[in-house]
Amino acid sequence: MLAVAAARTCSCSTDAVPERIRFATFNIEDFPKDERQVVGAFDEIARLGASFVGLQEIVEPDRFVRGMREQLGPSWEVAFEPSPRHPNHHLGVLFDRRVWTLASTRQHDGTRLEGRHKATLEVRLRSAATGRIVRVLVIHFKSGGDNHPTRARQYAALAPIVRDAVASGERVVLLGDFNATGDDDRADLVSLASTTGLTWATEPLACTAFWERDDGCFPSRLDHVLTTGAPAYVDVAGACATEGCALKDSCPLYHDVVSDHCPVAVSLP
């Protein structure tokens, strides 16, 4: 049973000069579905120990900001798309201002494909300890096993965005819900890493999401992270960590209360 945490100040990032950069990606399904989800989602974020989190499927940004203030405390901030064009699902980057300051925010419309899909959000964060920039790219590709041709076009549009980010000389983190449902999607991830010089940090993960179907609850590897340099550590939280990645007769309670996706966290040296 999921614990309901009281409002508190998060102590996710207490070191003035952290030895590693720890961050995450989290698709919080249709946030906020209800108050249970608000509490449960921020409780998951607090436990990650991440100093920034890429967000997908935020339906009400204002409600997210209120929950952030109530449960994570005043040091946390969030940057959403500067010109959101999707009516329902917004992308964002949540970050701890004790660790990062916001350097810039922009969006790249190439992955929208004639305006029908989601843009790529770019948020540049400056380390309070070192002054160095991390360039965070957040994506949410088209869902559905039959929609790989659309995702293939989105990969093609994303590649030059990533190459330009890498060419800046700043550390690059590409993360989000790639909706990588099959072998073709994983081949596209391999190709993207190869052509941009990034490392596919989350390649070994067994599952990052649960898909509720008529024949049971099917685990999927939908959420991924690509980084400048190899990760020191990669892990998945939520029900993917506690319930495992085997096919189940029904999805865990987490699926209904928090999200159909689990947070995926990466530590960089």
C-alpha atoms as a PDB file:
ATOM      1  CA  MET A   1       0.000   0.000   0.000  1.00  0.00           C
ATOM      2  CA  LEU A   2       1.305   3.437  -0.872  1.00  0.00           C
ATOM      3  CA  ALA A   3       2.260   5.651   2.015  1.00  0.00           C
ATOM      4  CA  VAL A   4       0.760   9.131   2.054  1.00  0.00           C
ATOM      5  CA  ALA A   5       3.452  11.542   3.166  1.00  0.00           C
ATOM      6  CA  ALA A   6       2.775  14.732   5.076  1.00  0.00           C
ATOM      7  CA  ALA A   7       3.902  18.020   3.555  1.00  0.00           C
ATOM      8  CA  ARG A   8       7.543  18.637   4.315  1.00  0.00           C
ATOM      9  CA  THR A   9      10.678  20.314   3.117  1.00  0.00           C
ATOM     10  CA  CYS A  10      12.667  18.047   0.836  1.00  0.00           C
ATOM     11  CA  SER A  11      16.291  17.370   1.726  1.00  0.00           C
ATOM     12  CA  CYS A  12      17.078  15.906  -1.681  1.00  0.00           C
ATOM     13  CA  SER A  13      20.214  17.965  -2.308  1.00  0.00           C
ATOM     14  CA  THR A  14      21.995  18.956   0.859  1.00  0.00           C
ATOM     15  CA  ASP A  15      25.654  18.874  -0.212  1.00  0.00           C
ATOM     16  CA  ALA A  16      27.055  22.255  -1.246  1.00  0.00           C
ATOM     17  CA  VAL A  17      29.403  20.545  -3.727  1.00  0.00           C
ATOM     18  CA  PRO A  18      27.877  17.173  -4.673  1.00  0.00           C
ATOM     19  CA  GLU A  19      30.311  14.480  -5.795  1.00  0.00           C
ATOM     20  CA  ARG A  20      27.945  13.499  -8.581  1.00  0.00           C
ATOM     21  CA  ILE A  21      25.136  15.051 -10.568  1.00  0.00           C
ATOM     22  CA  ARG A  22      21.996  13.039  -9.861  1.00  0.00           C
ATOM     23  CA  PHE A  23      18.884  13.732 -11.924  1.00  0.00           C
ATOM     24  CA  ALA A  24      15.787  11.938 -13.164  1.00  0.00           C
ATOM     25  CA  THR A  25      13.000  11.810 -15.719  1.00  0.00           C
ATOM     26  CA  PHE A  26       9.394  11.270 -14.659  1.00  0.00           C
ATOM     27  CA  ASN A  27       6.206  11.033 -16.740  1.00  0.00           C
ATOM     28  CA  ILE A  28       3.512  11.815 -14.147  1.00  0.00           C
ATOM     29  CA  GLU A  29       0.424  10.561 -15.954  1.00  0.00           C
ATOM     30  CA  ASP A  30      -2.105  13.366 -16.560  1.00  0.00           C
ATOM     31  CA  PHE A  31      -0.956  15.322 -13.489  1.00  0.00           C
ATOM     32  CA  PRO A  32      -2.964  16.114 -11.407  1.00  0.00           C
ATOM     33  CA  LYS A  33      -5.485  13.279 -11.620  1.00  0.00           C
ATOM     34  CA  ASP A  34      -6.409  13.771  -7.944  1.00  0.00           C
ATOM     35  CA  GLU A  35      -4.881  14.802  -4.610  1.00  0.00           C
ATOM     36  CA  ARG A  36      -3.565  11.289  -3.950  1.00  0.00           C
ATOM     37  CA  GLN A  37      -1.471  11.579  -7.074  1.00  0.00           C
ATOM     38  CA  VAL A  38      -0.158  15.017  -6.108  1.00  0.00           C
ATOM     39  CA  VAL A  39       1.088  13.716  -2.769  1.00  0.00           C
ATOM     40  CA  GLY A  40       2.341  10.415  -4.179  1.00  0.00           C
ATOM     41  CA  ALA A  41       4.206  11.961  -7.112  1.00  0.00           C
ATOM     42  CA  PHE A  42       6.051  14.510  -4.986  1.00  0.00           C
ATOM     43  CA  ASP A  43       6.825  11.829  -2.429  1.00  0.00           C
ATOM     44  CA  GLU A  44       8.492   9.832  -5.229  1.00  0.00           C
ATOM     45  CA  ILE A  45      10.448  12.878  -6.354  1.00  0.00           C
ATOM     46  CA  ALA A  46      11.607  13.613  -2.796  1.00  0.00           C
ATOM     47  CA  ARG A  47      12.947  10.075  -2.405  1.00  0.00           C
ATOM     48  CA  LEU A  48      14.967  10.202  -5.640  1.00  0.00           C
ATOM     49  CA  GLY A  49      17.735  12.392  -4.251  1.00  0.00           C
ATOM     50  CA  ALA A  50      17.856  14.161  -7.628  1.00  0.00           C
ATOM     51  CA  SER A  51      18.795  17.824  -8.032  1.00  0.00           C
ATOM     52  CA  PHE A  52      16.743  18.170 -11.233  1.00  0.00           C
ATOM     53  CA  VAL A  53      13.915  16.183 -12.834  1.00  0.00           C
ATOM     54  CA  GLY A  54      12.631  16.248 -16.414  1.00  0.00           C
ATOM     55  CA  LEU A  55       8.816  16.170 -16.409  1.00  0.00           C
ATOM     56  CA  GLN A  56       6.191  14.973 -18.868  1.00  0.00           C
ATOM     57  CA  GLU A  57       2.360  14.987 -18.897  1.00  0.00           C
ATOM     58  CA  ILE A  58       1.851  17.967 -16.600  1.00  0.00           C
ATOM     59  CA  VAL A  59      -1.727  19.032 -17.376  1.00  0.00           C
ATOM     60  CA  GLU A  60      -1.971  21.833 -14.785  1.00  0.00           C
ATOM     61  CA  PRO A  61       1.378  23.596 -14.315  1.00  0.00           C
ATOM     62  CA  ASP A  62      -0.037  25.892 -11.612  1.00  0.00           C
ATOM     63  CA  ARG A  63      -1.110  22.907  -9.514  1.00  0.00           C
ATOM     64  CA  PHE A  64       2.328  21.394  -9.963  1.00  0.00           C
ATOM     65  CA  VAL A  65       3.924  24.588  -8.656  1.00  0.00           C
ATOM     66  CA  ARG A  66       1.671  24.580  -5.570  1.00  0.00           C
ATOM     67  CA  GLY A  67       2.514  20.959  -4.826  1.00  0.00           C
ATOM     68  CA  MET A  68       6.204  21.671  -5.326  1.00  0.00           C
ATOM     69  CA  ARG A  69       6.100  24.495  -2.788  1.00  0.00           C
ATOM     70  CA  GLU A  70       4.062  22.475  -0.281  1.00  0.00           C
ATOM     71  CA  GLN A  71       6.052  19.233  -0.434  1.00  0.00           C
ATOM     72  CA  LEU A  72       9.550  20.056  -1.631  1.00  0.00           C
ATOM     73  CA  GLY A  73      10.011  23.471  -0.045  1.00  0.00           C
ATOM     74  CA  PRO A  74      10.954  26.995  -1.161  1.00  0.00           C
ATOM     75  CA  SER A  75      14.316  26.159  -2.728  1.00  0.00           C
ATOM     76  CA  TRP A  76      12.734  24.307  -5.644  1.00  0.00           C
ATOM     77  CA  GLU A  77      11.751  25.847  -8.967  1.00  0.00           C
ATOM     78  CA  VAL A  78      10.315  24.555 -12.252  1.00  0.00           C
ATOM     79  CA  ALA A  79      10.712  25.742 -15.848  1.00  0.00           C
ATOM     80  CA  PHE A  80       7.996  24.822 -18.358  1.00  0.00           C
ATOM     81  CA  GLU A  81       7.918  25.467 -22.107  1.00  0.00           C
ATOM     82  CA  PRO A  82       8.135  29.211 -22.775  1.00  0.00           C
ATOM     83  CA  SER A  83       5.435  28.949 -25.488  1.00  0.00           C
ATOM     84  CA  PRO A  84       3.417  25.768 -24.839  1.00  0.00           C
ATOM     85  CA  ARG A  85       1.489  24.619 -27.897  1.00  0.00           C
ATOM     86  CA  HIS A  86       0.111  21.309 -26.682  1.00  0.00           C
ATOM     87  CA  PRO A  87      -3.286  21.843 -25.024  1.00  0.00           C
ATOM     88  CA  ASN A  88      -2.928  19.126 -22.391  1.00  0.00           C
ATOM     89  CA  HIS A  89       0.519  17.708 -21.678  1.00  0.00           C
ATOM     90  CA  HIS A  90       3.332  20.078 -20.748  1.00  0.00           C
ATOM     91  CA  LEU A  91       7.060  19.417 -20.434  1.00  0.00           C
ATOM     92  CA  GLY A  92       9.179  20.883 -17.655  1.00  0.00           C
ATOM     93  CA  VAL A  93      12.381  20.725 -15.641  1.00  0.00           C
ATOM     94  CA  LEU A  94      12.131  20.800 -11.854  1.00  0.00           C
ATOM     95  CA  PHE A  95      15.365  21.878 -10.148  1.00  0.00           C
ATOM     96  CA  ASP A  96      16.841  22.666  -6.756  1.00  0.00           C
ATOM     97  CA  ARG A  97      18.072  26.269  -6.614  1.00  0.00           C
ATOM     98  CA  ARG A  98      20.578  25.321  -3.906  1.00  0.00           C
ATOM     99  CA  VAL A  99      22.369  23.346  -6.641  1.00  0.00           C
ATOM    100  CA  TRP A 100      21.376  25.073  -9.911  1.00  0.00           C
ATOM    101  CA  THR A 101      20.448  28.454 -11.303  1.00  0.00           C
ATOM    102  CA  LEU A 102      18.394  28.828 -14.469  1.00  0.00           C
ATOM    103  CA  ALA A 103      20.562  30.009 -17.362  1.00  0.00           C
ATOM    104  CA  SER A 104      18.030  29.843 -20.224  1.00  0.00           C
ATOM    105  CA  THR A 105      14.897  28.139 -21.535  1.00  0.00           C
ATOM    106  CA  ARG A 106      13.752  27.556 -25.087  1.00  0.00           C
ATOM    107  CA  GLN A 107      11.824  25.057 -27.175  1.00  0.00           C
ATOM    108  CA  HIS A 108      12.634  23.358 -30.477  1.00  0.00           C
ATOM    109  CA  ASP A 109       9.611  22.806 -32.709  1.00  0.00           C
ATOM    110  CA  GLY A 110      11.204  20.301 -35.103  1.00  0.00           C
ATOM    111  CA  THR A 111       9.853  17.289 -33.210  1.00  0.00           C
ATOM    112  CA  ARG A 112       6.309  18.685 -33.479  1.00  0.00           C
ATOM    113  CA  LEU A 113       6.196  17.461 -37.117  1.00  0.00           C
ATOM    114  CA  GLU A 114       3.934  20.004 -38.801  1.00  0.00           C
ATOM    115  CA  GLY A 115       2.561  21.038 -35.425  1.00  0.00           C
ATOM    116  CA  ARG A 116       0.839  17.759 -34.548  1.00  0.00           C
ATOM    117  CA  HIS A 117       3.144  16.517 -31.784  1.00  0.00           C
ATOM    118  CA  LYS A 118       5.291  17.822 -28.928  1.00  0.00           C
ATOM    119  CA  ALA A 119       8.217  20.194 -29.116  1.00  0.00           C
ATOM    120  CA  THR A 120      11.565  19.531 -27.425  1.00  0.00           C
ATOM    121  CA  LEU A 121      12.152  21.602 -24.305  1.00  0.00           C
ATOM    122  CA  GLU A 122      15.678  22.867 -23.652  1.00  0.00           C
ATOM    123  CA  VAL A 123      16.608  24.106 -20.170  1.00  0.00           C
ATOM    124  CA  ARG A 124      20.169  25.183 -19.386  1.00  0.00           C
ATOM    125  CA  LEU A 125      21.129  24.929 -15.722  1.00  0.00           C
ATOM    126  CA  ARG A 126      24.223  26.517 -14.195  1.00  0.00           C
ATOM    127  CA  SER A 127      25.910  24.744 -11.281  1.00  0.00           C
ATOM    128  CA  ALA A 128      26.001  26.911  -8.164  1.00  0.00           C
ATOM    129  CA  ALA A 129      29.187  25.112  -7.116  1.00  0.00           C
ATOM    130  CA  THR A 130      31.239  25.214 -10.324  1.00  0.00           C
ATOM    131  CA  GLY A 131      29.469  27.594 -12.701  1.00  0.00           C
ATOM    132  CA  ARG A 132      29.364  24.923 -15.389  1.00  0.00           C
ATOM    133  CA  ILE A 133      26.289  24.486 -17.563  1.00  0.00           C
ATOM    134  CA  VAL A 134      24.213  21.347 -18.040  1.00  0.00           C
ATOM    135  CA  ARG A 135      21.974  21.544 -21.102  1.00  0.00           C
ATOM    136  CA  VAL A 136      18.818  19.493 -20.460  1.00  0.00           C
ATOM    137  CA  LEU A 137      16.656  18.403 -23.413  1.00  0.00           C
ATOM    138  CA  VAL A 138      13.225  16.979 -22.525  1.00  0.00           C
ATOM    139  CA  ILE A 139      11.149  15.050 -25.059  1.00  0.00           C
ATOM    140  CA  HIS A 140       7.851  13.161 -25.207  1.00  0.00           C
ATOM    141  CA  PHE A 141       7.495  11.163 -28.419  1.00  0.00           C
ATOM    142  CA  LYS A 142       4.337   9.799 -30.013  1.00  0.00           C
ATOM    143  CA  SER A 143       2.919   6.766 -28.204  1.00  0.00           C
ATOM    144  CA  GLY A 144       1.690   3.456 -29.597  1.00  0.00           C
ATOM    145  CA  GLY A 145       3.308   0.364 -31.036  1.00  0.00           C
ATOM    146  CA  ASP A 146       1.922   1.161 -34.496  1.00  0.00           C
ATOM    147  CA  ASN A 147       3.333   4.685 -34.487  1.00  0.00           C
ATOM    148  CA  HIS A 148       7.017   3.914 -34.919  1.00  0.00           C
ATOM    149  CA  PRO A 149       7.086   5.668 -38.335  1.00  0.00           C
ATOM    150  CA  THR A 150       6.063   8.896 -36.591  1.00  0.00           C
ATOM    151  CA  ARG A 151       8.689   8.409 -33.890  1.00  0.00           C
ATOM    152  CA  ALA A 152      11.309   7.706 -36.557  1.00  0.00           C
ATOM    153  CA  ARG A 153      10.563  11.136 -38.031  1.00  0.00           C
ATOM    154  CA  GLN A 154      10.806  12.653 -34.560  1.00  0.00           C
ATOM    155  CA  TYR A 155      14.227  11.024 -34.073  1.00  0.00           C
ATOM    156  CA  ALA A 156      15.335  12.504 -37.386  1.00  0.00           C
ATOM    157  CA  ALA A 157      14.175  15.958 -36.258  1.00  0.00           C
ATOM    158  CA  LEU A 158      15.753  15.546 -32.813  1.00  0.00           C
ATOM    159  CA  ALA A 159      19.219  14.537 -34.055  1.00  0.00           C
ATOM    160  CA  PRO A 160      20.334  17.997 -35.280  1.00  0.00           C
ATOM    161  CA  ILE A 161      19.005  19.596 -32.079  1.00  0.00           C
ATOM    162  CA  VAL A 162      21.143  17.222 -30.038  1.00  0.00           C
ATOM    163  CA  ARG A 163      24.186  17.649 -32.280  1.00  0.00           C
ATOM    164  CA  ASP A 164      23.987  21.423 -31.864  1.00  0.00           C
ATOM    165  CA  ALA A 165      23.735  21.013 -28.099  1.00  0.00           C
ATOM    166  CA  VAL A 166      26.783  18.725 -28.045  1.00  0.00           C
ATOM    167  CA  ALA A 167      28.725  21.155 -30.268  1.00  0.00           C
ATOM    168  CA  SER A 168      28.231  23.875 -27.636  1.00  0.00           C
ATOM    169  CA  GLY A 169      30.760  22.091 -25.423  1.00  0.00           C
ATOM    170  CA  GLU A 170      28.293  22.017 -22.518  1.00  0.00           C
ATOM    171  CA  ARG A 171      27.360  18.775 -20.798  1.00  0.00           C
ATOM    172  CA  VAL A 172      24.179  17.463 -22.432  1.00  0.00           C
ATOM    173  CA  VAL A 173      21.390  15.428 -20.846  1.00  0.00           C
ATOM    174  CA  LEU A 174      18.618  14.177 -23.144  1.00  0.00           C
ATOM    175  CA  LEU A 175      15.733  12.556 -21.308  1.00  0.00           C
ATOM    176  CA  GLY A 176      12.031  11.829 -21.382  1.00  0.00           C
ATOM    177  CA  ASP A 177       9.331   9.468 -22.564  1.00  0.00           C
ATOM    178  CA  PHE A 178      10.607   8.085 -25.866  1.00  0.00           C
ATOM    179  CA  ASN A 179       7.686   5.609 -25.994  1.00  0.00           C
ATOM    180  CA  ALA A 180      10.261   3.032 -27.073  1.00  0.00           C
ATOM    181  CA  THR A 181       7.844   0.156 -27.453  1.00  0.00           C
ATOM    182  CA  GLY A 182       9.799  -2.171 -29.717  1.00  0.00           C
ATOM    183  CA  ASP A 183      13.079  -3.249 -31.258  1.00  0.00           C
ATOM    184  CA  ASP A 184      12.868  -0.563 -33.949  1.00  0.00           C
ATOM    185  CA  ASP A 185      12.706   2.105 -31.258  1.00  0.00           C
ATOM    186  CA  ARG A 186      15.719   0.681 -29.471  1.00  0.00           C
ATOM    187  CA  ALA A 187      17.609   0.642 -32.766  1.00  0.00           C
ATOM    188  CA  ASP A 188      16.735   4.318 -33.159  1.00  0.00           C
ATOM    189  CA  LEU A 189      18.135   5.018 -29.682  1.00  0.00           C
ATOM    190  CA  VAL A 190      21.368   3.234 -30.594  1.00  0.00           C
ATOM    191  CA  SER A 191      21.605   5.271 -33.800  1.00  0.00           C
ATOM    192  CA  LEU A 192      20.888   8.552 -32.004  1.00  0.00           C
ATOM    193  CA  ALA A 193      23.603   7.878 -29.452  1.00  0.00           C
ATOM    194  CA  SER A 194      26.066   6.908 -32.182  1.00  0.00           C
ATOM    195  CA  THR A 195      25.426   9.930 -34.410  1.00  0.00           C
ATOM    196  CA  THR A 196      25.448  12.493 -31.590  1.00  0.00           C
ATOM    197  CA  GLY A 197      28.249  11.099 -29.414  1.00  0.00           C
ATOM    198  CA  LEU A 198      26.024  10.662 -26.362  1.00  0.00           C
ATOM    199  CA  THR A 199      25.859   7.582 -24.144  1.00  0.00           C
ATOM    200  CA  TRP A 200      22.548   5.714 -23.893  1.00  0.00           C
ATOM    201  CA  ALA A 201      22.654   5.604 -20.104  1.00  0.00           C
ATOM    202  CA  THR A 202      19.412   3.688 -19.536  1.00  0.00           C
ATOM    203  CA  GLU A 203      19.959   0.904 -22.070  1.00  0.00           C
ATOM    204  CA  PRO A 204      20.187  -1.861 -19.417  1.00  0.00           C
ATOM    205  CA  LEU A 205      16.927  -1.058 -17.609  1.00  0.00           C
ATOM    206  CA  ALA A 206      14.379  -3.869 -17.588  1.00  0.00           C
ATOM    207  CA  CYS A 207      11.279  -1.653 -17.396  1.00  0.00           C
ATOM    208  CA  THR A 208      10.245   1.941 -16.730  1.00  0.00           C
ATOM    209  CA  ALA A 209       6.454   1.799 -17.151  1.00  0.00           C
ATOM    210  CA  PHE A 210       3.387  -0.436 -16.886  1.00  0.00           C
ATOM    211  CA  TRP A 211       0.926  -0.878 -19.744  1.00  0.00           C
ATOM    212  CA  GLU A 212      -2.545  -2.020 -18.668  1.00  0.00           C
ATOM    213  CA  ARG A 213      -3.957  -4.385 -21.297  1.00  0.00           C
ATOM    214  CA  ASP A 214      -6.811  -6.912 -21.514  1.00  0.00           C
ATOM    215  CA  ASP A 215      -4.302  -9.754 -21.040  1.00  0.00           C
ATOM    216  CA  GLY A 216      -2.613  -8.241 -17.990  1.00  0.00           C
ATOM    217  CA  CYS A 217      -0.153  -5.569 -16.949  1.00  0.00           C
ATOM    218  CA  PHE A 218       2.717  -5.413 -19.415  1.00  0.00           C
ATOM    219  CA  PRO A 219       6.038  -3.813 -18.372  1.00  0.00           C
ATOM    220  CA  SER A 220       7.689  -1.531 -20.941  1.00  0.00           C
ATOM    221  CA  ARG A 221      10.984   0.346 -21.390  1.00  0.00           C
ATOM    222  CA  LEU A 222       9.585   3.678 -22.516  1.00  0.00           C
ATOM    223  CA  ASP A 223      11.624   6.277 -20.607  1.00  0.00           C
ATOM    224  CA  HIS A 224      15.279   6.894 -21.394  1.00  0.00           C
ATOM    225  CA  VAL A 225      18.272   9.107 -20.728  1.00  0.00           C
ATOM    226  CA  LEU A 226      21.236   9.866 -22.996  1.00  0.00           C
ATOM    227  CA  THR A 227      24.192  11.768 -21.554  1.00  0.00           C
ATOM    228  CA  THR A 228      27.567  13.293 -22.241  1.00  0.00           C
ATOM    229  CA  GLY A 229      29.860  10.613 -20.827  1.00  0.00           C
ATOM    230  CA  ALA A 230      29.021   7.328 -19.167  1.00  0.00           C
ATOM    231  CA  PRO A 231      26.836   7.287 -16.038  1.00  0.00           C
ATOM    232  CA  ALA A 232      28.143   6.251 -12.649  1.00  0.00           C
ATOM    233  CA  TYR A 233      24.808   4.727 -11.704  1.00  0.00           C
ATOM    234  CA  VAL A 234      21.326   4.241 -13.188  1.00  0.00           C
ATOM    235  CA  ASP A 235      18.217   3.103 -11.353  1.00  0.00           C
ATOM    236  CA  VAL A 236      14.453   3.033 -11.643  1.00  0.00           C
ATOM    237  CA  ALA A 237      12.145   3.863  -8.734  1.00  0.00           C
ATOM    238  CA  GLY A 238       8.455   3.489  -7.933  1.00  0.00           C
ATOM    239  CA  ALA A 239       6.648   0.247  -8.647  1.00  0.00           C
ATOM    240  CA  CYS A 240       9.275  -0.779 -11.206  1.00  0.00           C
ATOM    241  CA  ALA A 241      11.695  -1.131  -8.294  1.00  0.00           C
ATOM    242  CA  THR A 242       9.313  -2.626  -5.737  1.00  0.00           C
ATOM    243  CA  GLU A 243       7.097  -4.803  -7.962  1.00  0.00           C
ATOM    244  CA  GLY A 244       9.634  -5.947 -10.557  1.00  0.00           C
ATOM    245  CA  CYS A 245       9.270  -6.174 -14.322  1.00  0.00           C
ATOM    246  CA  ALA A 246       7.479  -9.481 -14.867  1.00  0.00           C
ATOM    247  CA  LEU A 247       4.149  -9.663 -16.726  1.00  0.00           C
ATOM    248  CA  LYS A 248       1.370  -9.444 -14.126  1.00  0.00           C
ATOM    249  CA  ASP A 249      -2.341 -10.220 -14.085  1.00  0.00           C
ATOM    250  CA  SER A 250      -3.041  -6.653 -12.986  1.00  0.00           C
ATOM    251  CA  CYS A 251      -1.039  -3.468 -12.562  1.00  0.00           C
ATOM    252  CA  PRO A 252       0.190  -2.443  -9.105  1.00  0.00           C
ATOM    253  CA  LEU A 253      -1.671   0.139  -7.023  1.00  0.00           C
ATOM    254  CA  TYR A 254       1.066   2.629  -7.915  1.00  0.00           C
ATOM    255  CA  HIS A 255      -0.232   2.568 -11.506  1.00  0.00           C
ATOM    256  CA  ASP A 256      -3.569   4.039 -10.421  1.00  0.00           C
ATOM    257  CA  VAL A 257      -2.414   6.289  -7.586  1.00  0.00           C
ATOM    258  CA  VAL A 258       0.793   7.844  -8.964  1.00  0.00           C
ATOM    259  CA  SER A 259       1.520   7.105 -12.650  1.00  0.00           C
ATOM    260  CA  ASP A 260       1.797   4.425 -15.311  1.00  0.00           C
ATOM    261  CA  HIS A 261       5.481   5.448 -15.541  1.00  0.00           C
ATOM    262  CA  CYS A 262       8.215   5.120 -12.937  1.00  0.00           C
ATOM    263  CA  PRO A 263      10.894   7.737 -12.247  1.00  0.00           C
ATOM    264  CA  VAL A 264      14.243   6.908 -13.856  1.00  0.00           C
ATOM    265  CA  ALA A 265      17.325   8.355 -12.149  1.00  0.00           C
ATOM    266  CA  VAL A 266      20.916   8.726 -13.342  1.00  0.00           C
ATOM    267  CA  SER A 267      24.071   9.733 -11.483  1.00  0.00           C
ATOM    268  CA  LEU A 268      26.928  11.256 -13.469  1.00  0.00           C
ATOM    269  CA  PRO A 269      30.504  11.424 -12.125  1.00  0.00           C
END
